[in-house]
Amino acid sequence: MRVTVLFFAQARERAGRASVTLELPAGSRLADARAAIALAHPGLEPLWPHLALAVDGVLAREDAPVRDGAELALLPPVSGG
């Protein structure tokens, strides 16, 4: 199955792009997608502890299922005042 991965802020800088299409086996979970992203983009390693992951615009846990055609977003922490 295919999913689109969106990179924002520092993740975009480290990945060198705003988005990528990722092939995953049917029945994959968010943890599987995260592992595939980490393998394809090792520069993201220092950011993983700080990134939230969303599936189709909703923050999700690593055990969340991922459907074909889903949009995954790597979201940095928000700061402000």
PDB file of N, CA and C in Angstrom:
ATOM      1  N   MET A   1       0.845  -1.177   0.000  1.00  0.00           N
ATOM      2  CA  MET A   1       0.000   0.000   0.000  1.00  0.00           C
ATOM      3  C   MET A   1       0.889   1.238   0.000  1.00  0.00           C
ATOM      4  N   ARG A   2       0.330   2.325  -0.457  1.00  0.00           N
ATOM      5  CA  ARG A   2       1.065   3.586  -0.535  1.00  0.00           C
ATOM      6  C   ARG A   2       0.490   4.595   0.440  1.00  0.00           C
ATOM      7  N   VAL A   3       1.407   5.331   1.091  1.00  0.00           N
ATOM      8  CA  VAL A   3       1.018   6.434   1.965  1.00  0.00           C
ATOM      9  C   VAL A   3       1.889   7.635   1.615  1.00  0.00           C
ATOM     10  N   THR A   4       1.390   8.806   1.939  1.00  0.00           N
ATOM     11  CA  THR A   4       2.159  10.032   1.758  1.00  0.00           C
ATOM     12  C   THR A   4       2.639  10.484   3.123  1.00  0.00           C
ATOM     13  N   VAL A   5       3.923  10.800   3.211  1.00  0.00           N
ATOM     14  CA  VAL A   5       4.514  11.286   4.459  1.00  0.00           C
ATOM     15  C   VAL A   5       4.830  12.762   4.278  1.00  0.00           C
ATOM     16  N   LEU A   6       4.339  13.592   5.197  1.00  0.00           N
ATOM     17  CA  LEU A   6       4.592  15.028   5.180  1.00  0.00           C
ATOM     18  C   LEU A   6       5.588  15.379   6.272  1.00  0.00           C
ATOM     19  N   PHE A   7       6.584  16.157   5.906  1.00  0.00           N
ATOM     20  CA  PHE A   7       7.607  16.601   6.850  1.00  0.00           C
ATOM     21  C   PHE A   7       7.423  18.096   7.106  1.00  0.00           C
ATOM     22  N   PHE A   8       7.512  18.497   8.368  1.00  0.00           N
ATOM     23  CA  PHE A   8       7.374  19.904   8.724  1.00  0.00           C
ATOM     24  C   PHE A   8       8.577  20.374   9.528  1.00  0.00           C
ATOM     25  N   ALA A   9       8.887  21.667   9.404  1.00  0.00           N
ATOM     26  CA  ALA A   9       9.921  22.349  10.184  1.00  0.00           C
ATOM     27  C   ALA A   9      11.256  21.613  10.111  1.00  0.00           C
ATOM     28  N   GLN A  10      11.823  21.257  11.254  1.00  0.00           N
ATOM     29  CA  GLN A  10      13.139  20.606  11.289  1.00  0.00           C
ATOM     30  C   GLN A  10      13.130  19.266  10.570  1.00  0.00           C
ATOM     31  N   ALA A  11      12.035  18.554  10.630  1.00  0.00           N
ATOM     32  CA  ALA A  11      11.955  17.276   9.926  1.00  0.00           C
ATOM     33  C   ALA A  11      12.078  17.495   8.420  1.00  0.00           C
ATOM     34  N   ARG A  12      11.486  18.546   7.916  1.00  0.00           N
ATOM     35  CA  ARG A  12      11.592  18.877   6.489  1.00  0.00           C
ATOM     36  C   ARG A  12      13.037  19.197   6.127  1.00  0.00           C
ATOM     37  N   GLU A  13      13.693  19.964   6.977  1.00  0.00           N
ATOM     38  CA  GLU A  13      15.098  20.304   6.725  1.00  0.00           C
ATOM     39  C   GLU A  13      15.973  19.057   6.708  1.00  0.00           C
ATOM     40  N   ARG A  14      15.782  18.181   7.669  1.00  0.00           N
ATOM     41  CA  ARG A  14      16.614  16.978   7.764  1.00  0.00           C
ATOM     42  C   ARG A  14      16.300  15.949   6.681  1.00  0.00           C
ATOM     43  N   ALA A  15      15.035  15.881   6.257  1.00  0.00           N
ATOM     44  CA  ALA A  15      14.654  14.948   5.197  1.00  0.00           C
ATOM     45  C   ALA A  15      15.014  15.503   3.818  1.00  0.00           C
ATOM     46  N   GLY A  16      15.161  16.815   3.728  1.00  0.00           N
ATOM     47  CA  GLY A  16      15.503  17.438   2.466  1.00  0.00           C
ATOM     48  C   GLY A  16      14.344  17.537   1.493  1.00  0.00           C
ATOM     49  N   ARG A  17      13.151  17.404   1.998  1.00  0.00           N
ATOM     50  CA  ARG A  17      11.948  17.485   1.154  1.00  0.00           C
ATOM     51  C   ARG A  17      10.730  17.729   2.030  1.00  0.00           C
ATOM     52  N   ALA A  18       9.640  18.124   1.404  1.00  0.00           N
ATOM     53  CA  ALA A  18       8.402  18.394   2.134  1.00  0.00           C
ATOM     54  C   ALA A  18       7.534  17.154   2.270  1.00  0.00           C
ATOM     55  N   SER A  19       7.665  16.220   1.318  1.00  0.00           N
ATOM     56  CA  SER A  19       6.847  15.011   1.374  1.00  0.00           C
ATOM     57  C   SER A  19       7.510  13.895   0.586  1.00  0.00           C
ATOM     58  N   VAL A  20       7.038  12.698   0.823  1.00  0.00           N
ATOM     59  CA  VAL A  20       7.530  11.516   0.119  1.00  0.00           C
ATOM     60  C   VAL A  20       6.410  10.477   0.098  1.00  0.00           C
ATOM     61  N   THR A  21       6.395   9.663  -0.924  1.00  0.00           N
ATOM     62  CA  THR A  21       5.466   8.532  -0.986  1.00  0.00           C
ATOM     63  C   THR A  21       6.199   7.307  -0.472  1.00  0.00           C
ATOM     64  N   LEU A  22       5.539   6.559   0.370  1.00  0.00           N
ATOM     65  CA  LEU A  22       6.150   5.407   1.022  1.00  0.00           C
ATOM     66  C   LEU A  22       5.315   4.166   0.729  1.00  0.00           C
ATOM     67  N   GLU A  23       5.979   3.081   0.380  1.00  0.00           N
ATOM     68  CA  GLU A  23       5.318   1.792   0.168  1.00  0.00           C
ATOM     69  C   GLU A  23       5.401   0.993   1.467  1.00  0.00           C
ATOM     70  N   LEU A  24       4.276   0.501   1.928  1.00  0.00           N
ATOM     71  CA  LEU A  24       4.206  -0.312   3.147  1.00  0.00           C
ATOM     72  C   LEU A  24       3.429  -1.588   2.852  1.00  0.00           C
ATOM     73  N   PRO A  25       3.724  -2.664   3.581  1.00  0.00           N
ATOM     74  CA  PRO A  25       2.919  -3.880   3.418  1.00  0.00           C
ATOM     75  C   PRO A  25       1.485  -3.659   3.931  1.00  0.00           C
ATOM     76  N   ALA A  26       0.541  -4.360   3.342  1.00  0.00           N
ATOM     77  CA  ALA A  26      -0.845  -4.301   3.813  1.00  0.00           C
ATOM     78  C   ALA A  26      -0.884  -4.679   5.291  1.00  0.00           C
ATOM     79  N   GLY A  27      -1.745  -4.009   6.047  1.00  0.00           N
ATOM     80  CA  GLY A  27      -1.882  -4.297   7.475  1.00  0.00           C
ATOM     81  C   GLY A  27      -0.868  -3.577   8.347  1.00  0.00           C
ATOM     82  N   SER A  28      -0.109  -2.652   7.773  1.00  0.00           N
ATOM     83  CA  SER A  28       0.910  -1.934   8.551  1.00  0.00           C
ATOM     84  C   SER A  28       0.281  -1.036   9.596  1.00  0.00           C
ATOM     85  N   ARG A  29       1.026  -0.822  10.641  1.00  0.00           N
ATOM     86  CA  ARG A  29       0.654   0.085  11.728  1.00  0.00           C
ATOM     87  C   ARG A  29       1.576   1.303  11.656  1.00  0.00           C
ATOM     88  N   LEU A  30       1.272   2.310  12.433  1.00  0.00           N
ATOM     89  CA  LEU A  30       2.077   3.523  12.432  1.00  0.00           C
ATOM     90  C   LEU A  30       3.523   3.223  12.828  1.00  0.00           C
ATOM     91  N   ALA A  31       3.740   2.292  13.726  1.00  0.00           N
ATOM     92  CA  ALA A  31       5.105   1.913  14.121  1.00  0.00           C
ATOM     93  C   ALA A  31       5.891   1.371  12.918  1.00  0.00           C
ATOM     94  N   ASP A  32       5.229   0.634  12.040  1.00  0.00           N
ATOM     95  CA  ASP A  32       5.885   0.113  10.841  1.00  0.00           C
ATOM     96  C   ASP A  32       6.265   1.255   9.906  1.00  0.00           C
ATOM     97  N   ALA A  33       5.363   2.216   9.760  1.00  0.00           N
ATOM     98  CA  ALA A  33       5.639   3.375   8.916  1.00  0.00           C
ATOM     99  C   ALA A  33       6.799   4.181   9.486  1.00  0.00           C
ATOM    100  N   ARG A  34       6.781   4.361  10.798  1.00  0.00           N
ATOM    101  CA  ARG A  34       7.862   5.111  11.457  1.00  0.00           C
ATOM    102  C   ARG A  34       9.209   4.438  11.201  1.00  0.00           C
ATOM    103  N   ALA A  35       9.264   3.124  11.315  1.00  0.00           N
ATOM    104  CA  ALA A  35      10.502   2.388  11.076  1.00  0.00           C
ATOM    105  C   ALA A  35      10.969   2.557   9.630  1.00  0.00           C
ATOM    106  N   ALA A  36      10.043   2.517   8.681  1.00  0.00           N
ATOM    107  CA  ALA A  36      10.395   2.689   7.266  1.00  0.00           C
ATOM    108  C   ALA A  36      10.888   4.109   6.994  1.00  0.00           C
ATOM    109  N   ILE A  37      10.258   5.094   7.620  1.00  0.00           N
ATOM    110  CA  ILE A  37      10.688   6.485   7.459  1.00  0.00           C
ATOM    111  C   ILE A  37      12.085   6.665   8.046  1.00  0.00           C
ATOM    112  N   ALA A  38      12.306   6.108   9.234  1.00  0.00           N
ATOM    113  CA  ALA A  38      13.619   6.227   9.884  1.00  0.00           C
ATOM    114  C   ALA A  38      14.718   5.585   9.042  1.00  0.00           C
ATOM    115  N   LEU A  39      14.418   4.461   8.422  1.00  0.00           N
ATOM    116  CA  LEU A  39      15.391   3.784   7.572  1.00  0.00           C
ATOM    117  C   LEU A  39      15.715   4.617   6.331  1.00  0.00           C
ATOM    118  N   ALA A  40      14.703   5.203   5.726  1.00  0.00           N
ATOM    119  CA  ALA A  40      14.892   5.995   4.513  1.00  0.00           C
ATOM    120  C   ALA A  40      15.498   7.374   4.783  1.00  0.00           C
ATOM    121  N   HIS A  41      15.303   7.890   6.008  1.00  0.00           N
ATOM    122  CA  HIS A  41      15.764   9.233   6.358  1.00  0.00           C
ATOM    123  C   HIS A  41      16.483   9.210   7.709  1.00  0.00           C
ATOM    124  N   PRO A  42      17.714   8.669   7.742  1.00  0.00           N
ATOM    125  CA  PRO A  42      18.433   8.547   9.017  1.00  0.00           C
ATOM    126  C   PRO A  42      18.726   9.888   9.684  1.00  0.00           C
ATOM    127  N   GLY A  43      18.701  10.979   8.945  1.00  0.00           N
ATOM    128  CA  GLY A  43      18.938  12.294   9.532  1.00  0.00           C
ATOM    129  C   GLY A  43      17.860  12.713  10.518  1.00  0.00           C
ATOM    130  N   LEU A  44      16.735  12.014  10.519  1.00  0.00           N
ATOM    131  CA  LEU A  44      15.653  12.332  11.453  1.00  0.00           C
ATOM    132  C   LEU A  44      15.892  11.781  12.859  1.00  0.00           C
ATOM    133  N   GLU A  45      16.862  10.904  13.004  1.00  0.00           N
ATOM    134  CA  GLU A  45      17.099  10.207  14.278  1.00  0.00           C
ATOM    135  C   GLU A  45      17.040  11.115  15.509  1.00  0.00           C
ATOM    136  N   PRO A  46      17.746  12.263  15.531  1.00  0.00           N
ATOM    137  CA  PRO A  46      17.700  13.081  16.752  1.00  0.00           C
ATOM    138  C   PRO A  46      16.328  13.693  17.039  1.00  0.00           C
ATOM    139  N   LEU A  47      15.475  13.756  16.037  1.00  0.00           N
ATOM    140  CA  LEU A  47      14.165  14.390  16.221  1.00  0.00           C
ATOM    141  C   LEU A  47      13.086  13.449  16.724  1.00  0.00           C
ATOM    142  N   TRP A  48      13.243  12.137  16.529  1.00  0.00           N
ATOM    143  CA  TRP A  48      12.159  11.199  16.847  1.00  0.00           C
ATOM    144  C   TRP A  48      11.582  11.361  18.248  1.00  0.00           C
ATOM    145  N   PRO A  49      12.396  11.578  19.282  1.00  0.00           N
ATOM    146  CA  PRO A  49      11.793  11.717  20.619  1.00  0.00           C
ATOM    147  C   PRO A  49      10.874  12.931  20.755  1.00  0.00           C
ATOM    148  N   HIS A  50      10.983  13.871  19.811  1.00  0.00           N
ATOM    149  CA  HIS A  50      10.237  15.120  19.915  1.00  0.00           C
ATOM    150  C   HIS A  50       9.104  15.247  18.905  1.00  0.00           C
ATOM    151  N   LEU A  51       8.986  14.305  17.999  1.00  0.00           N
ATOM    152  CA  LEU A  51       7.979  14.388  16.946  1.00  0.00           C
ATOM    153  C   LEU A  51       6.679  13.689  17.337  1.00  0.00           C
ATOM    154  N   ALA A  52       5.576  14.318  16.988  1.00  0.00           N
ATOM    155  CA  ALA A  52       4.272  13.669  17.086  1.00  0.00           C
ATOM    156  C   ALA A  52       3.935  13.154  15.691  1.00  0.00           C
ATOM    157  N   LEU A  53       3.152  12.093  15.628  1.00  0.00           N
ATOM    158  CA  LEU A  53       2.752  11.523  14.349  1.00  0.00           C
ATOM    159  C   LEU A  53       1.238  11.595  14.216  1.00  0.00           C
ATOM    160  N   ALA A  54       0.808  12.032  13.046  1.00  0.00           N
ATOM    161  CA  ALA A  54      -0.623  12.116  12.764  1.00  0.00           C
ATOM    162  C   ALA A  54      -0.938  11.262  11.546  1.00  0.00           C
ATOM    163  N   VAL A  55      -2.107  10.635  11.575  1.00  0.00           N
ATOM    164  CA  VAL A  55      -2.616   9.865  10.439  1.00  0.00           C
ATOM    165  C   VAL A  55      -3.894  10.557   9.983  1.00  0.00           C
ATOM    166  N   ASP A  56      -3.870  11.010   8.747  1.00  0.00           N
ATOM    167  CA  ASP A  56      -5.028  11.713   8.179  1.00  0.00           C
ATOM    168  C   ASP A  56      -5.501  12.852   9.078  1.00  0.00           C
ATOM    169  N   GLY A  57      -4.544  13.619   9.599  1.00  0.00           N
ATOM    170  CA  GLY A  57      -4.863  14.812  10.377  1.00  0.00           C
ATOM    171  C   GLY A  57      -5.198  14.588  11.832  1.00  0.00           C
ATOM    172  N   VAL A  58      -5.079  13.346  12.312  1.00  0.00           N
ATOM    173  CA  VAL A  58      -5.402  13.044  13.704  1.00  0.00           C
ATOM    174  C   VAL A  58      -4.166  12.451  14.379  1.00  0.00           C
ATOM    175  N   LEU A  59      -3.774  13.037  15.516  1.00  0.00           N
ATOM    176  CA  LEU A  59      -2.639  12.476  16.252  1.00  0.00           C
ATOM    177  C   LEU A  59      -2.924  11.023  16.576  1.00  0.00           C
ATOM    178  N   ALA A  60      -1.892  10.186  16.416  1.00  0.00           N
ATOM    179  CA  ALA A  60      -2.119   8.748  16.574  1.00  0.00           C
ATOM    180  C   ALA A  60      -0.986   8.099  17.350  1.00  0.00           C
ATOM    181  N   ARG A  61      -1.317   6.973  17.975  1.00  0.00           N
ATOM    182  CA  ARG A  61      -0.321   6.161  18.681  1.00  0.00           C
ATOM    183  C   ARG A  61       0.317   5.210  17.687  1.00  0.00           C
ATOM    184  N   GLU A  62       1.441   4.654  18.076  1.00  0.00           N
ATOM    185  CA  GLU A  62       2.207   3.792  17.174  1.00  0.00           C
ATOM    186  C   GLU A  62       1.474   2.505  16.806  1.00  0.00           C
ATOM    187  N   ASP A  63       0.481   2.097  17.583  1.00  0.00           N
ATOM    188  CA  ASP A  63      -0.244   0.881  17.245  1.00  0.00           C
ATOM    189  C   ASP A  63      -1.444   1.150  16.325  1.00  0.00           C
ATOM    190  N   ALA A  64      -1.622   2.413  15.915  1.00  0.00           N
ATOM    191  CA  ALA A  64      -2.732   2.767  15.027  1.00  0.00           C
ATOM    192  C   ALA A  64      -2.540   2.142  13.645  1.00  0.00           C
ATOM    193  N   PRO A  65      -3.603   1.618  13.065  1.00  0.00           N
ATOM    194  CA  PRO A  65      -3.505   1.078  11.707  1.00  0.00           C
ATOM    195  C   PRO A  65      -3.336   2.203  10.697  1.00  0.00           C
ATOM    196  N   VAL A  66      -2.696   1.856   9.590  1.00  0.00           N
ATOM    197  CA  VAL A  66      -2.497   2.808   8.501  1.00  0.00           C
ATOM    198  C   VAL A  66      -3.181   2.222   7.265  1.00  0.00           C
ATOM    199  N   ARG A  67      -4.031   2.999   6.631  1.00  0.00           N
ATOM    200  CA  ARG A  67      -4.755   2.518   5.451  1.00  0.00           C
ATOM    201  C   ARG A  67      -4.030   2.934   4.176  1.00  0.00           C
ATOM    202  N   ASP A  68      -4.309   2.253   3.109  1.00  0.00           N
ATOM    203  CA  ASP A  68      -3.779   2.620   1.804  1.00  0.00           C
ATOM    204  C   ASP A  68      -4.250   4.027   1.462  1.00  0.00           C
ATOM    205  N   GLY A  69      -3.348   4.864   1.011  1.00  0.00           N
ATOM    206  CA  GLY A  69      -3.685   6.234   0.648  1.00  0.00           C
ATOM    207  C   GLY A  69      -3.657   7.214   1.798  1.00  0.00           C
ATOM    208  N   ALA A  70      -3.285   6.764   2.990  1.00  0.00           N
ATOM    209  CA  ALA A  70      -3.263   7.644   4.160  1.00  0.00           C
ATOM    210  C   ALA A  70      -2.205   8.728   4.008  1.00  0.00           C
ATOM    211  N   GLU A  71      -2.413   9.802   4.753  1.00  0.00           N
ATOM    212  CA  GLU A  71      -1.446  10.886   4.836  1.00  0.00           C
ATOM    213  C   GLU A  71      -0.881  10.888   6.253  1.00  0.00           C
ATOM    214  N   LEU A  72       0.421  10.700   6.362  1.00  0.00           N
ATOM    215  CA  LEU A  72       1.100  10.702   7.658  1.00  0.00           C
ATOM    216  C   LEU A  72       1.872  12.005   7.788  1.00  0.00           C
ATOM    217  N   ALA A  73       1.815  12.615   8.935  1.00  0.00           N
ATOM    218  CA  ALA A  73       2.528  13.870   9.164  1.00  0.00           C
ATOM    219  C   ALA A  73       3.442  13.739  10.359  1.00  0.00           C
ATOM    220  N   LEU A  74       4.682  14.197  10.190  1.00  0.00           N
ATOM    221  CA  LEU A  74       5.639  14.269  11.281  1.00  0.00           C
ATOM    222  C   LEU A  74       5.598  15.698  11.798  1.00  0.00           C
ATOM    223  N   LEU A  75       5.121  15.850  13.018  1.00  0.00           N
ATOM    224  CA  LEU A  75       4.866  17.174  13.581  1.00  0.00           C
ATOM    225  C   LEU A  75       5.842  17.493  14.703  1.00  0.00           C
ATOM    226  N   PRO A  76       6.559  18.599  14.586  1.00  0.00           N
ATOM    227  CA  PRO A  76       7.465  19.007  15.656  1.00  0.00           C
ATOM    228  C   PRO A  76       6.667  19.589  16.814  1.00  0.00           C
ATOM    229  N   PRO A  77       7.314  19.692  17.982  1.00  0.00           N
ATOM    230  CA  PRO A  77       6.617  20.331  19.101  1.00  0.00           C
ATOM    231  C   PRO A  77       6.313  21.803  18.768  1.00  0.00           C
ATOM    232  N   VAL A  78       5.226  22.290  19.302  1.00  0.00           N
ATOM    233  CA  VAL A  78       4.837  23.672  19.064  1.00  0.00           C
ATOM    234  C   VAL A  78       5.346  24.522  20.214  1.00  0.00           C
ATOM    235  N   SER A  79       5.902  25.652  19.888  1.00  0.00           N
ATOM    236  CA  SER A  79       6.347  26.575  20.947  1.00  0.00           C
ATOM    237  C   SER A  79       5.749  27.937  20.662  1.00  0.00           C
ATOM    238  N   GLY A  80       5.717  28.727  21.663  1.00  0.00           N
ATOM    239  CA  GLY A  80       5.165  30.064  21.462  1.00  0.00           C
ATOM    240  C   GLY A  80       4.878  30.705  22.796  1.00  0.00           C
ATOM    241  N   GLY A  81       4.300  31.850  22.743  1.00  0.00           N
ATOM    242  CA  GLY A  81       4.048  32.550  23.975  1.00  0.00           C
ATOM    243  C   GLY A  81       2.683  33.142  24.026  1.00  0.00           C
TER     244      GLY A  81
END
